[in-house]
Amino acid sequence: MPGLLLHYGALMMCAHPPGLVTVPAPVQQRVLVGPQPVLTGADMFLVAGCSFPAMTMGAPPCTSVTWLQVSTRVRVNGLPVLLQPTPVGVAPAIGVGTPPPNPPLVMAMQFRVQGM
């Protein structure tokens, strides 16, 4: 499935605002989309500030994100790049930590480079 290449500067939130999804440091630094490195399947996503009501629901808040849609054709250093099917909206990923895994929201990203 085609989609836009996800990059280090993309703004993402977990399903429980204001949880901010960040990548501490991209695995690769050589292939760029604009000024930002392209994210690959080896990158780790962390969540900070998830507002999931852990005490009332009995489950922990979101702690990380697992990306589900990777490119089958485009690779960087042998690793598949991450794809986002729509420019803004629900990501093809799941939040790790909450019992029903909820997808994060992509708020801003690049619109020029696509992959399959």
C-alpha atoms as a PDB file:
ATOM      1  CA  MET A   1       0.000   0.000   0.000  1.00  0.00           C
ATOM      2  CA  PRO A   2       1.473   3.397  -0.942  1.00  0.00           C
ATOM      3  CA  GLY A   3       1.935   6.156   1.567  1.00  0.00           C
ATOM      4  CA  LEU A   4       3.971   9.185   2.544  1.00  0.00           C
ATOM      5  CA  LEU A   5       7.424   8.605   4.039  1.00  0.00           C
ATOM      6  CA  LEU A   6       7.422   9.344   7.760  1.00  0.00           C
ATOM      7  CA  HIS A   7      10.257  11.547   8.985  1.00  0.00           C
ATOM      8  CA  TYR A   8      11.870  12.534  12.260  1.00  0.00           C
ATOM      9  CA  GLY A   9      10.099  15.920  12.429  1.00  0.00           C
ATOM     10  CA  ALA A  10       6.544  14.547  12.128  1.00  0.00           C
ATOM     11  CA  LEU A  11       4.242  15.701  14.941  1.00  0.00           C
ATOM     12  CA  MET A  12       2.313  12.810  16.531  1.00  0.00           C
ATOM     13  CA  MET A  13       0.115  12.326  19.597  1.00  0.00           C
ATOM     14  CA  CYS A  14      -1.125   9.185  21.326  1.00  0.00           C
ATOM     15  CA  ALA A  15      -4.866   8.525  21.379  1.00  0.00           C
ATOM     16  CA  HIS A  16      -5.078  10.187  24.826  1.00  0.00           C
ATOM     17  CA  PRO A  17      -4.070  13.852  24.403  1.00  0.00           C
ATOM     18  CA  PRO A  18      -1.769  15.525  25.281  1.00  0.00           C
ATOM     19  CA  GLY A  19       0.475  12.441  24.943  1.00  0.00           C
ATOM     20  CA  LEU A  20       3.299  13.426  22.607  1.00  0.00           C
ATOM     21  CA  VAL A  21       4.891  10.676  20.502  1.00  0.00           C
ATOM     22  CA  THR A  22       8.603  11.222  19.871  1.00  0.00           C
ATOM     23  CA  VAL A  23      11.561   9.388  18.385  1.00  0.00           C
ATOM     24  CA  PRO A  24      14.581   9.926  20.681  1.00  0.00           C
ATOM     25  CA  ALA A  25      17.138   9.638  17.855  1.00  0.00           C
ATOM     26  CA  PRO A  26      16.614   8.299  14.339  1.00  0.00           C
ATOM     27  CA  VAL A  27      18.527   5.108  13.548  1.00  0.00           C
ATOM     28  CA  GLN A  28      19.794   6.482  10.243  1.00  0.00           C
ATOM     29  CA  GLN A  29      20.928  10.062   9.530  1.00  0.00           C
ATOM     30  CA  ARG A  30      21.935   9.916   5.847  1.00  0.00           C
ATOM     31  CA  VAL A  31      18.655   9.784   3.890  1.00  0.00           C
ATOM     32  CA  LEU A  32      16.632  12.965   4.370  1.00  0.00           C
ATOM     33  CA  VAL A  33      13.198  14.240   3.434  1.00  0.00           C
ATOM     34  CA  GLY A  34      13.778  17.970   3.400  1.00  0.00           C
ATOM     35  CA  PRO A  35      15.996  18.592   6.420  1.00  0.00           C
ATOM     36  CA  GLN A  36      14.700  15.609   8.463  1.00  0.00           C
ATOM     37  CA  PRO A  37      15.917  11.973   8.492  1.00  0.00           C
ATOM     38  CA  VAL A  38      13.513   9.337   7.157  1.00  0.00           C
ATOM     39  CA  LEU A  39      12.247   6.924   9.833  1.00  0.00           C
ATOM     40  CA  THR A  40      12.748   3.181   9.382  1.00  0.00           C
ATOM     41  CA  GLY A  41      11.391   0.020  10.947  1.00  0.00           C
ATOM     42  CA  ALA A  42      14.234   0.071  13.484  1.00  0.00           C
ATOM     43  CA  ASP A  43      13.222   3.427  15.007  1.00  0.00           C
ATOM     44  CA  MET A  44      11.650   3.455  18.468  1.00  0.00           C
ATOM     45  CA  PHE A  45       8.654   5.675  19.322  1.00  0.00           C
ATOM     46  CA  LEU A  46       8.149   6.835  22.913  1.00  0.00           C
ATOM     47  CA  VAL A  47       5.060   8.486  24.432  1.00  0.00           C
ATOM     48  CA  ALA A  48       5.288  11.262  27.031  1.00  0.00           C
ATOM     49  CA  GLY A  49       2.303  12.752  28.854  1.00  0.00           C
ATOM     50  CA  CYS A  50      -0.393  10.194  28.051  1.00  0.00           C
ATOM     51  CA  SER A  51      -3.573  11.128  29.909  1.00  0.00           C
ATOM     52  CA  PHE A  52      -5.096   7.624  30.026  1.00  0.00           C
ATOM     53  CA  PRO A  53      -6.833   7.320  33.436  1.00  0.00           C
ATOM     54  CA  ALA A  54      -4.692   4.482  34.771  1.00  0.00           C
ATOM     55  CA  MET A  55      -6.067   4.542  38.295  1.00  0.00           C
ATOM     56  CA  THR A  56      -9.736   4.256  37.309  1.00  0.00           C
ATOM     57  CA  MET A  57      -9.293   1.832  34.403  1.00  0.00           C
ATOM     58  CA  GLY A  58      -6.647  -0.387  36.007  1.00  0.00           C
ATOM     59  CA  ALA A  59      -4.275  -0.244  33.039  1.00  0.00           C
ATOM     60  CA  PRO A  60      -1.055   1.662  32.423  1.00  0.00           C
ATOM     61  CA  PRO A  61      -0.931   4.699  30.117  1.00  0.00           C
ATOM     62  CA  CYS A  62       0.641   4.573  26.648  1.00  0.00           C
ATOM     63  CA  THR A  63       4.413   4.190  26.819  1.00  0.00           C
ATOM     64  CA  SER A  64       5.468   3.473  23.236  1.00  0.00           C
ATOM     65  CA  VAL A  65       4.146   3.015  19.709  1.00  0.00           C
ATOM     66  CA  THR A  66       4.623   0.122  17.301  1.00  0.00           C
ATOM     67  CA  TRP A  67       4.429   1.160  13.631  1.00  0.00           C
ATOM     68  CA  LEU A  68       2.586  -1.378  11.456  1.00  0.00           C
ATOM     69  CA  GLN A  69       2.906  -0.072   7.888  1.00  0.00           C
ATOM     70  CA  VAL A  70       6.396  -0.334   6.418  1.00  0.00           C
ATOM     71  CA  SER A  71       7.459  -0.039   2.807  1.00  0.00           C
ATOM     72  CA  THR A  72       7.870  -3.199   0.758  1.00  0.00           C
ATOM     73  CA  ARG A  73       9.934  -1.488  -1.952  1.00  0.00           C
ATOM     74  CA  VAL A  74      11.797   1.448  -0.396  1.00  0.00           C
ATOM     75  CA  ARG A  75      14.660   0.677   1.980  1.00  0.00           C
ATOM     76  CA  VAL A  76      17.303   2.745   3.733  1.00  0.00           C
ATOM     77  CA  ASN A  77      20.465   0.856   4.730  1.00  0.00           C
ATOM     78  CA  GLY A  78      18.505  -2.378   4.252  1.00  0.00           C
ATOM     79  CA  LEU A  79      15.677  -1.282   6.574  1.00  0.00           C
ATOM     80  CA  PRO A  80      12.134  -0.602   5.324  1.00  0.00           C
ATOM     81  CA  VAL A  81      10.965   3.004   5.660  1.00  0.00           C
ATOM     82  CA  LEU A  82       7.780   3.823   7.592  1.00  0.00           C
ATOM     83  CA  LEU A  83       4.712   4.925   5.647  1.00  0.00           C
ATOM     84  CA  GLN A  84       1.688   7.034   6.601  1.00  0.00           C
ATOM     85  CA  PRO A  85      -1.280   6.456   4.227  1.00  0.00           C
ATOM     86  CA  THR A  86      -2.863   9.880   4.775  1.00  0.00           C
ATOM     87  CA  PRO A  87      -1.136  13.202   5.446  1.00  0.00           C
ATOM     88  CA  VAL A  88      -3.012  13.895   8.676  1.00  0.00           C
ATOM     89  CA  GLY A  89      -5.049  11.450  10.727  1.00  0.00           C
ATOM     90  CA  VAL A  90      -4.917   8.062  12.375  1.00  0.00           C
ATOM     91  CA  ALA A  91      -1.553   6.316  12.002  1.00  0.00           C
ATOM     92  CA  PRO A  92      -1.111   2.686  10.938  1.00  0.00           C
ATOM     93  CA  ALA A  93       0.328   1.936  14.363  1.00  0.00           C
ATOM     94  CA  ILE A  94      -0.745   0.861  17.839  1.00  0.00           C
ATOM     95  CA  GLY A  95      -0.057   2.361  21.228  1.00  0.00           C
ATOM     96  CA  VAL A  96       1.645  -0.017  23.634  1.00  0.00           C
ATOM     97  CA  GLY A  97       0.619   0.063  27.282  1.00  0.00           C
ATOM     98  CA  THR A  98      -3.149   0.435  27.204  1.00  0.00           C
ATOM     99  CA  PRO A  99      -5.323  -2.705  27.074  1.00  0.00           C
ATOM    100  CA  PRO A 100      -7.240  -1.780  23.965  1.00  0.00           C
ATOM    101  CA  PRO A 101      -4.332  -0.735  21.706  1.00  0.00           C
ATOM    102  CA  ASN A 102      -5.238   2.650  20.244  1.00  0.00           C
ATOM    103  CA  PRO A 103      -3.612   4.156  17.140  1.00  0.00           C
ATOM    104  CA  PRO A 104      -1.724   7.439  17.514  1.00  0.00           C
ATOM    105  CA  LEU A 105      -2.660  10.556  15.548  1.00  0.00           C
ATOM    106  CA  VAL A 106      -0.326  12.186  13.025  1.00  0.00           C
ATOM    107  CA  MET A 107      -0.825  15.952  13.270  1.00  0.00           C
ATOM    108  CA  ALA A 108       1.824  17.253  10.831  1.00  0.00           C
ATOM    109  CA  MET A 109       4.277  15.670   8.390  1.00  0.00           C
ATOM    110  CA  GLN A 110       5.831  16.122   4.942  1.00  0.00           C
ATOM    111  CA  PHE A 111       3.584  15.797   1.856  1.00  0.00           C
ATOM    112  CA  ARG A 112       6.060  15.475  -1.018  1.00  0.00           C
ATOM    113  CA  VAL A 113       7.741  12.049  -0.914  1.00  0.00           C
ATOM    114  CA  GLN A 114       5.775   8.821  -1.282  1.00  0.00           C
ATOM    115  CA  GLY A 115       6.769   5.178  -1.175  1.00  0.00           C
ATOM    116  CA  MET A 116       5.277   1.734  -1.580  1.00  0.00           C
END
